[in-house]
Amino acid sequence: MPPSLSGRTYDSDRPESMDFLETTQYNSTPSSSSANRGSNYQTPLPRSWREYRHPNGDIYFYNRELRLITPDNVRDPEMLRYIMDAREDHLQCLAGDPNVHRLPRDYELVISEVNESAAVIRMYSRTAGAAYIWTEEAGLIVKTRENFWSYVAEFPSHHDNLPPGTENEFAQALQDAKVAIGNGAIFPFSERQIDQMIHRYQYLTNLRSRGRNVSPSLAWLIGAVMPLDAVGRVVNNQNLGYLTTRV
């Protein structure tokens, strides 16, 4: 269970504004109609592809059999061909890499910005909580943890559950941040914004306890906030005097 976020009490039916994260409500069912996005989006999806809507309204596509994510329009036959060609080329590169065994078996490919000659390709593992890329110069590279959180925030809707351990890590980070701010630590977010995060988290988990699937909204919140690390410390007058006179 996530650690208890004690202190302030919150009215779970009145979520505070999360404008700084542009948080919205979300229905996690894959979108069946996107009439506002043009006639091309009325074309049936190719086999094994499903359309998902991000809590912010963006559309992306996921092929569960291939563990392949793309924000590009797979209803366009030419775009789909570019995506599949890019995937095939990438898999061939990985097959010849001596470190390919470092990729967990559950890794997902994200292919974006695709055209006839190029594509941006990233890899993520939910079980490992890690992000990867491959380059000709360096081969397989494990990216920073921030890249994994970006993946969680960018594509939150195609899994029913959060990546393992992420909710506990987030709840603990919020709790630790509240304590650290009281001790003079500085965070990328203000204390009020962290209070808003706590309230939003409690609001979503309350909905979950009533049987609502809030995993996409939770994943977006967690991915957008994490890692919640201090970036400095408030210097009071006593400490400032010590720092400016210390030889």
Protein backbone atom coordinates (compact mmCIF):
# COMPACT_ATOMS: atom_id res chain seq x y z
CA MET A 1 0.00 0.00 0.00
CA PRO A 2 1.18 3.57 -0.67
CA PRO A 3 2.39 5.45 2.41
CA SER A 4 -0.24 7.52 4.21
CA LEU A 5 -0.29 11.19 3.27
CA SER A 6 -1.29 12.65 6.61
CA GLY A 7 -1.62 16.29 7.60
CA ARG A 8 -4.18 18.36 5.73
CA THR A 9 -7.58 16.81 5.15
CA TYR A 10 -9.21 17.13 1.77
CA ASP A 11 -12.74 17.06 0.46
CA SER A 12 -12.46 14.23 -2.06
CA ASP A 13 -15.41 15.53 -4.10
CA ARG A 14 -13.77 18.91 -4.73
CA PRO A 15 -10.42 18.45 -6.46
CA GLU A 16 -8.21 21.54 -6.35
CA SER A 17 -7.02 23.11 -9.58
CA MET A 18 -4.03 21.45 -11.22
CA ASP A 19 -3.65 24.07 -13.93
CA PHE A 20 0.13 23.90 -13.71
CA LEU A 21 -0.11 20.29 -14.88
CA GLU A 22 -3.15 20.91 -17.11
CA THR A 23 -4.87 17.93 -15.50
CA THR A 24 -8.27 16.89 -16.81
CA GLN A 25 -10.79 14.19 -16.07
CA TYR A 26 -10.55 11.03 -18.14
CA ASN A 27 -12.58 8.05 -19.28
CA SER A 28 -10.11 5.23 -19.93
CA THR A 29 -12.13 3.39 -22.60
CA PRO A 30 -10.30 3.46 -25.96
CA SER A 31 -11.82 6.12 -28.17
CA SER A 32 -14.26 4.73 -30.71
CA SER A 33 -14.95 8.01 -32.48
CA SER A 34 -12.73 10.93 -33.38
CA ALA A 35 -14.99 12.87 -35.71
CA ASN A 36 -13.45 16.16 -34.69
CA ARG A 37 -10.09 15.02 -36.09
CA GLY A 38 -11.06 14.73 -39.74
CA SER A 39 -12.40 12.08 -42.10
CA ASN A 40 -9.18 10.03 -42.00
CA TYR A 41 -9.91 9.17 -38.37
CA GLN A 42 -13.18 7.52 -39.44
CA THR A 43 -11.20 4.87 -41.33
CA PRO A 44 -11.15 1.54 -39.46
CA LEU A 45 -7.99 0.79 -37.56
CA PRO A 46 -5.58 -1.81 -38.94
CA ARG A 47 -5.62 -5.24 -37.33
CA SER A 48 -4.29 -5.41 -33.74
CA TRP A 49 -4.17 -1.61 -33.37
CA ARG A 50 -6.24 0.33 -30.84
CA GLU A 51 -6.71 4.02 -30.36
CA TYR A 52 -6.25 5.59 -26.91
CA ARG A 53 -6.94 9.07 -25.64
CA HIS A 54 -4.54 10.79 -23.27
CA PRO A 55 -6.18 12.67 -20.37
CA ASN A 56 -5.19 15.91 -22.13
CA GLY A 57 -7.16 14.86 -25.23
CA ASP A 58 -4.27 13.73 -27.43
CA ILE A 59 -4.70 10.54 -29.44
CA TYR A 60 -2.13 7.78 -29.73
CA PHE A 61 -2.15 4.19 -30.98
CA TYR A 62 -0.98 0.93 -29.44
CA ASN A 63 -0.41 -2.53 -30.88
CA ARG A 64 -0.40 -4.93 -27.94
CA GLU A 65 0.93 -7.87 -29.98
CA LEU A 66 3.95 -5.87 -31.11
CA ARG A 67 4.25 -3.77 -27.90
CA LEU A 68 4.39 -0.77 -30.22
CA ILE A 69 3.20 2.78 -29.44
CA THR A 70 2.93 5.66 -31.90
CA PRO A 71 1.25 9.07 -31.90
CA ASP A 72 1.33 9.01 -35.73
CA ASN A 73 -1.83 8.10 -37.62
CA VAL A 74 -1.78 4.37 -38.32
CA ARG A 75 -5.02 4.72 -40.30
CA ASP A 76 -2.93 6.23 -43.06
CA PRO A 77 -1.55 3.22 -45.00
CA GLU A 78 1.60 5.06 -46.03
CA MET A 79 2.30 6.21 -42.46
CA LEU A 80 1.70 2.69 -41.15
CA ARG A 81 4.19 1.33 -43.69
CA TYR A 82 6.81 3.85 -42.56
CA ILE A 83 6.18 2.87 -38.92
CA MET A 84 6.47 -0.86 -39.60
CA ASP A 85 9.60 -0.38 -41.73
CA ALA A 86 11.19 1.66 -38.93
CA ARG A 87 10.31 -1.06 -36.43
CA GLU A 88 11.82 -3.79 -38.61
CA ASP A 89 15.04 -1.83 -39.13
CA HIS A 90 15.28 -1.15 -35.40
CA LEU A 91 14.78 -4.78 -34.44
CA GLN A 92 17.52 -5.80 -36.86
CA CYS A 93 19.88 -3.31 -35.23
CA LEU A 94 19.01 -4.62 -31.77
CA ALA A 95 19.55 -8.22 -32.86
CA GLY A 96 23.18 -7.45 -33.64
CA ASP A 97 23.86 -5.62 -30.39
CA PRO A 98 25.89 -7.62 -27.80
CA ASN A 99 24.00 -5.90 -24.97
CA VAL A 100 20.50 -6.64 -26.21
CA HIS A 101 20.07 -9.07 -23.29
CA ARG A 102 19.86 -6.00 -21.03
CA LEU A 103 16.44 -5.19 -22.49
CA PRO A 104 13.66 -6.64 -20.30
CA ARG A 105 11.23 -8.86 -22.13
CA ASP A 106 8.33 -6.46 -21.59
CA TYR A 107 9.96 -3.46 -23.30
CA GLU A 108 7.73 -1.31 -25.50
CA LEU A 109 8.77 0.57 -28.61
CA VAL A 110 7.67 4.16 -29.18
CA ILE A 111 8.01 5.25 -32.81
CA SER A 112 7.22 8.87 -33.62
CA GLU A 113 7.99 11.69 -36.07
CA VAL A 114 8.03 9.11 -38.84
CA ASN A 115 8.70 9.80 -42.50
CA GLU A 116 10.06 7.84 -45.43
CA SER A 117 13.67 8.08 -44.30
CA ALA A 118 13.70 8.69 -40.53
CA ALA A 119 11.93 8.08 -37.23
CA VAL A 120 12.44 8.77 -33.54
CA ILE A 121 12.51 5.45 -31.66
CA ARG A 122 12.54 5.01 -27.88
CA MET A 123 12.16 1.97 -25.64
CA TYR A 124 10.69 1.61 -22.16
CA SER A 125 10.23 -1.18 -19.66
CA ARG A 126 7.46 -0.91 -17.10
CA THR A 127 8.82 -3.74 -14.97
CA ALA A 128 12.34 -2.31 -14.87
CA GLY A 129 11.17 1.29 -14.62
CA ALA A 130 13.76 2.21 -17.24
CA ALA A 131 14.14 3.89 -20.63
CA TYR A 132 16.49 2.95 -23.48
CA ILE A 133 17.62 4.10 -26.89
CA TRP A 134 19.87 2.55 -29.54
CA THR A 135 22.38 4.44 -31.68
CA GLU A 136 24.86 3.26 -34.29
CA GLU A 137 27.70 4.91 -32.39
CA ALA A 138 26.99 3.62 -28.89
CA GLY A 139 24.57 0.75 -29.31
CA LEU A 140 22.04 0.16 -26.52
CA ILE A 141 21.99 2.96 -23.95
CA VAL A 142 20.09 3.07 -20.66
CA LYS A 143 18.63 6.55 -20.31
CA THR A 144 18.07 8.54 -17.12
CA ARG A 145 15.13 7.86 -14.83
CA GLU A 146 13.57 11.13 -16.00
CA ASN A 147 13.09 9.56 -19.43
CA PHE A 148 11.07 6.74 -17.91
CA TRP A 149 8.82 9.19 -16.07
CA SER A 150 8.32 11.08 -19.34
CA TYR A 151 7.09 7.85 -20.94
CA VAL A 152 4.64 7.27 -18.06
CA ALA A 153 3.24 10.80 -18.50
CA GLU A 154 3.18 10.75 -22.30
CA PHE A 155 1.44 7.38 -22.83
CA PRO A 156 -0.68 6.68 -19.73
CA SER A 157 -3.81 5.11 -21.17
CA HIS A 158 -3.08 1.72 -22.74
CA HIS A 159 -2.50 -0.25 -19.53
CA ASP A 160 -5.07 -0.88 -16.81
CA ASN A 161 -2.48 -0.72 -14.04
CA LEU A 162 0.38 1.59 -13.13
CA PRO A 163 3.98 0.40 -13.63
CA PRO A 164 5.07 -1.69 -10.62
CA GLY A 165 6.12 0.34 -7.60
CA THR A 166 5.49 3.75 -9.14
CA GLU A 167 2.50 4.66 -6.98
CA ASN A 168 4.36 3.85 -3.76
CA GLU A 169 7.37 5.80 -4.99
CA PHE A 170 5.20 8.81 -5.84
CA ALA A 171 3.27 8.81 -2.55
CA GLN A 172 6.51 8.52 -0.58
CA ALA A 173 8.08 11.34 -2.61
CA LEU A 174 5.13 13.63 -1.82
CA GLN A 175 5.38 12.81 1.87
CA ASP A 176 9.14 13.36 1.91
CA ALA A 177 8.79 16.65 0.01
CA LYS A 178 6.35 18.03 2.58
CA VAL A 179 8.80 17.28 5.36
CA ALA A 180 11.79 18.58 3.44
CA ILE A 181 10.10 21.88 2.56
CA GLY A 182 9.47 22.40 6.26
CA ASN A 183 13.20 21.99 6.79
CA GLY A 184 14.12 24.57 4.16
CA ALA A 185 14.49 22.47 1.01
CA ILE A 186 13.60 23.97 -2.38
CA PHE A 187 11.68 21.97 -4.97
CA PRO A 188 10.71 22.63 -8.60
CA PHE A 189 7.13 23.02 -7.30
CA SER A 190 5.88 25.35 -4.60
CA GLU A 191 4.49 24.03 -1.32
CA ARG A 192 1.01 24.98 -2.51
CA GLN A 193 1.50 23.00 -5.72
CA ILE A 194 2.68 19.97 -3.76
CA ASP A 195 -0.46 20.30 -1.61
CA GLN A 196 -2.45 20.31 -4.86
CA MET A 197 -0.68 17.14 -5.98
CA ILE A 198 -1.53 15.45 -2.69
CA HIS A 199 -5.14 16.53 -3.01
CA ARG A 200 -5.33 15.37 -6.62
CA TYR A 201 -3.79 12.03 -5.72
CA GLN A 202 -6.25 11.53 -2.86
CA TYR A 203 -9.15 12.54 -5.09
CA LEU A 204 -8.18 9.99 -7.76
CA THR A 205 -7.58 7.17 -5.29
CA ASN A 206 -10.97 7.93 -3.74
CA LEU A 207 -12.58 7.50 -7.16
CA ARG A 208 -10.64 4.26 -7.58
CA SER A 209 -12.04 2.97 -4.30
CA ARG A 210 -15.51 3.50 -5.78
CA GLY A 211 -14.69 1.30 -8.76
CA ARG A 212 -13.54 3.93 -11.26
CA ASN A 213 -10.53 3.19 -13.47
CA VAL A 214 -8.31 6.21 -12.89
CA SER A 215 -5.02 4.64 -13.97
CA PRO A 216 -4.51 7.01 -16.95
CA SER A 217 -5.02 10.12 -14.84
CA LEU A 218 -2.84 8.73 -12.05
CA ALA A 219 -0.11 7.75 -14.50
CA TRP A 220 -0.13 11.22 -16.05
CA LEU A 221 0.03 12.90 -12.65
CA ILE A 222 2.83 10.66 -11.42
CA GLY A 223 4.85 10.86 -14.63
CA ALA A 224 4.51 14.64 -14.88
CA VAL A 225 5.62 15.22 -11.27
CA MET A 226 8.38 12.66 -10.82
CA PRO A 227 11.19 12.66 -9.97
CA LEU A 228 10.25 14.94 -7.09
CA ASP A 229 13.72 15.89 -5.92
CA ALA A 230 14.96 18.94 -4.03
CA VAL A 231 16.96 21.38 -6.14
CA GLY A 232 18.41 23.46 -3.33
CA ARG A 233 17.97 24.68 0.20
CA VAL A 234 16.77 27.92 1.70
CA VAL A 235 19.65 29.85 3.29
CA ASN A 236 18.59 31.68 6.44
CA ASN A 237 20.42 34.69 7.86
CA GLN A 238 22.52 32.62 10.26
CA ASN A 239 23.62 30.22 7.55
CA LEU A 240 24.22 33.08 5.13
CA GLY A 241 26.51 34.77 7.62
CA TYR A 242 28.40 31.52 8.13
CA LEU A 243 28.76 30.99 4.37
CA THR A 244 29.97 34.53 3.69
CA THR A 245 32.54 34.62 6.52
CA ARG A 246 33.87 31.06 6.29
CA VAL A 247 37.48 31.02 5.09
